[in-house]
Amino acid sequence: MLKLAISFGRTFARVSETRFCDLVVDEYLPQFIQELDAILADPHQVCVDIKACNAGQGFKARKYVGVLGWFQRNSF
């Protein structure tokens, strides 16, 4: 009986984690894709943002927040 309870608990935990991940992805992925699409609309600005090329005239590196900010702070 105890083994059955432990097995059920582990299975329930995996299902709950999976559902939680699905909910997070369903909630935030569309917004993330829209923001990424807007950022990538100007390739030279992205190059400047991640410090892969010189800013040049009229370009200044933007600072991102969240996941994109992490990538920006940890690139190159």
Protein backbone atom coordinates (compact mmCIF):
# COMPACT_ATOMS: atom_id res chain seq x y z
CA MET A 1 0.00 0.00 0.00
CA LEU A 2 2.81 2.41 0.87
CA LYS A 3 4.58 1.62 -2.42
CA LEU A 4 1.37 2.36 -4.29
CA ALA A 5 0.98 5.69 -2.49
CA ILE A 6 4.58 6.65 -3.23
CA SER A 7 4.19 5.65 -6.87
CA PHE A 8 0.98 7.67 -7.16
CA GLY A 9 2.67 10.67 -5.55
CA ARG A 10 5.57 10.57 -7.98
CA THR A 11 3.25 10.18 -10.97
CA PHE A 12 1.03 13.03 -9.78
CA ALA A 13 4.07 15.26 -9.27
CA ARG A 14 5.29 14.60 -12.82
CA VAL A 15 1.84 15.30 -14.27
CA SER A 16 1.56 18.49 -12.20
CA GLU A 17 5.00 19.68 -13.35
CA THR A 18 4.09 18.94 -16.96
CA ARG A 19 0.79 20.78 -16.70
CA PHE A 20 2.49 23.71 -14.99
CA CYS A 21 5.07 23.92 -17.77
CA ASP A 22 2.32 23.70 -20.39
CA LEU A 23 0.42 26.54 -18.70
CA VAL A 24 3.51 28.73 -18.50
CA VAL A 25 4.37 28.11 -22.14
CA ASP A 26 0.79 28.71 -23.27
CA GLU A 27 0.64 31.95 -21.28
CA TYR A 28 3.99 33.54 -22.09
CA LEU A 29 5.28 32.08 -25.36
CA PRO A 30 3.07 34.19 -27.66
CA GLN A 31 4.17 37.40 -25.91
CA PHE A 32 7.82 36.31 -26.01
CA ILE A 33 7.58 35.60 -29.75
CA GLN A 34 5.94 38.99 -30.42
CA GLU A 35 8.65 40.83 -28.49
CA LEU A 36 11.41 38.86 -30.18
CA ASP A 37 9.87 39.51 -33.59
CA ALA A 38 9.75 43.26 -32.88
CA ILE A 39 13.36 43.27 -31.71
CA LEU A 40 14.61 41.32 -34.72
CA ALA A 41 12.92 43.72 -37.15
CA ASP A 42 16.15 45.77 -37.17
CA PRO A 43 19.15 43.41 -37.51
CA HIS A 44 21.79 46.15 -37.12
CA GLN A 45 20.18 47.31 -33.87
CA VAL A 46 20.30 43.73 -32.57
CA CYS A 47 23.97 43.56 -33.53
CA VAL A 48 24.60 46.74 -31.53
CA ASP A 49 22.47 45.52 -28.60
CA ILE A 50 24.53 42.38 -28.13
CA LYS A 51 27.76 44.31 -28.70
CA ALA A 52 28.71 42.28 -31.74
CA CYS A 53 29.27 45.37 -33.90
CA ASN A 54 29.88 49.11 -33.52
CA ALA A 55 26.91 51.35 -32.85
CA GLY A 56 27.55 53.78 -35.66
CA GLN A 57 25.49 56.88 -36.25
CA GLY A 58 22.03 56.93 -34.74
CA PHE A 59 22.33 53.61 -32.91
CA LYS A 60 22.60 53.11 -29.19
CA ALA A 61 22.48 49.76 -27.41
CA ARG A 62 19.13 49.04 -25.80
CA LYS A 63 18.86 47.25 -22.47
CA TYR A 64 16.44 44.36 -22.32
CA VAL A 65 14.76 42.82 -19.30
CA GLY A 66 13.67 39.27 -18.51
CA VAL A 67 14.90 36.38 -20.62
CA LEU A 68 16.11 38.63 -23.42
CA GLY A 69 18.02 40.73 -20.87
CA TRP A 70 19.75 37.63 -19.59
CA PHE A 71 20.85 36.73 -23.12
CA GLN A 72 22.05 40.27 -23.71
CA ARG A 73 24.07 40.38 -20.48
CA ASN A 74 25.60 36.96 -21.12
CA SER A 75 26.49 37.24 -24.80
CA PHE A 76 30.02 37.55 -26.11
